[in-house]
Protein backbone atom coordinates (compact mmCIF):
# COMPACT_ATOMS: atom_id res chain seq x y z
CA UNK A 1 4.27 12.90 10.33
CA UNK A 2 0.90 11.31 10.55
CA UNK A 3 -1.16 9.90 13.47
CA UNK A 4 -3.27 7.46 13.90
CA UNK A 5 -5.84 7.09 16.87
CA UNK A 6 -7.69 3.82 17.71
CA UNK A 7 -8.55 3.58 21.51
CA UNK A 8 -6.13 3.77 23.68
CA UNK A 9 -3.08 3.50 21.07
CA UNK A 10 -1.12 5.50 18.62
CA UNK A 11 0.62 4.95 14.94
CA UNK A 12 2.62 7.01 13.28
CA UNK A 13 2.49 6.27 9.15
CA UNK A 14 4.49 8.87 6.60
CA UNK A 15 1.68 11.28 5.43
CA UNK A 16 2.21 10.97 0.77
CA UNK A 17 -0.06 7.01 1.31
CA UNK A 18 -3.23 6.14 1.48
CA UNK A 19 -5.42 5.57 3.84
CA UNK A 20 -6.34 2.27 3.51
CA UNK A 21 -2.30 1.56 3.23
CA UNK A 22 -1.62 3.37 6.82
CA UNK A 23 -4.46 0.82 8.11
CA UNK A 24 -2.26 -2.55 6.58
CA UNK A 25 1.27 -0.70 8.02
CA UNK A 26 -0.25 -0.54 11.47
CA UNK A 27 -2.04 -4.17 10.44
CA UNK A 28 -5.24 -2.84 10.77
CA UNK A 29 -8.14 -4.03 9.19
CA UNK A 30 -10.19 -1.84 7.08
CA UNK A 31 -13.07 -3.29 7.37
CA UNK A 32 -13.82 -2.58 11.54
CA UNK A 33 -12.81 0.62 11.40
CA UNK A 34 -14.08 4.21 10.57
CA UNK A 35 -11.55 6.49 9.78
CA UNK A 36 -12.53 10.90 10.62
CA UNK A 37 -10.62 13.28 10.20
CA UNK A 38 -11.10 17.02 11.07
CA UNK A 39 -15.01 16.34 11.82
CA UNK A 40 -15.95 14.09 8.67
CA UNK A 41 -16.12 10.33 7.49
CA UNK A 42 -12.84 9.31 5.03
CA UNK A 43 -12.35 6.35 2.84
CA UNK A 44 -10.30 4.10 2.54
CA UNK A 45 -8.93 6.28 -0.88
CA UNK A 46 -7.94 9.13 0.37
CA UNK A 47 -4.47 10.41 0.48
CA UNK A 48 -2.82 11.58 4.53
CA UNK A 49 -1.36 14.02 4.90
CA UNK A 50 2.35 15.49 7.26
CA UNK A 51 0.33 17.09 10.19
CA UNK A 52 -2.99 15.00 9.49
CA UNK A 53 -4.50 12.85 12.84
CA UNK A 54 -6.65 10.73 12.00
CA UNK A 55 -9.32 8.94 15.08
CA UNK A 56 -10.13 5.12 14.02
CA UNK A 57 -13.40 4.36 15.03
CA UNK A 58 -14.55 0.16 15.85
CA UNK A 59 -17.25 -0.36 13.23
CA UNK A 60 -20.15 -2.73 16.10
CA UNK A 61 -22.36 -4.80 14.25
CA UNK A 62 -24.48 -7.26 15.79
CA UNK A 63 -27.82 -9.65 15.24
């Protein structure tokens, strides 16, 4: 399983799918989070593997 951590919430999804699909499965908007795996930013097309822990950081914008 892959663990997605967003603020104080944790989600688990199966490995083998893309980050984009995993975010949609968890009902998280991929346009409002940055995903970090092992200290490096990853994009929506990256394949997730069992045992991965992905930290999701909220994107803040303003004007």
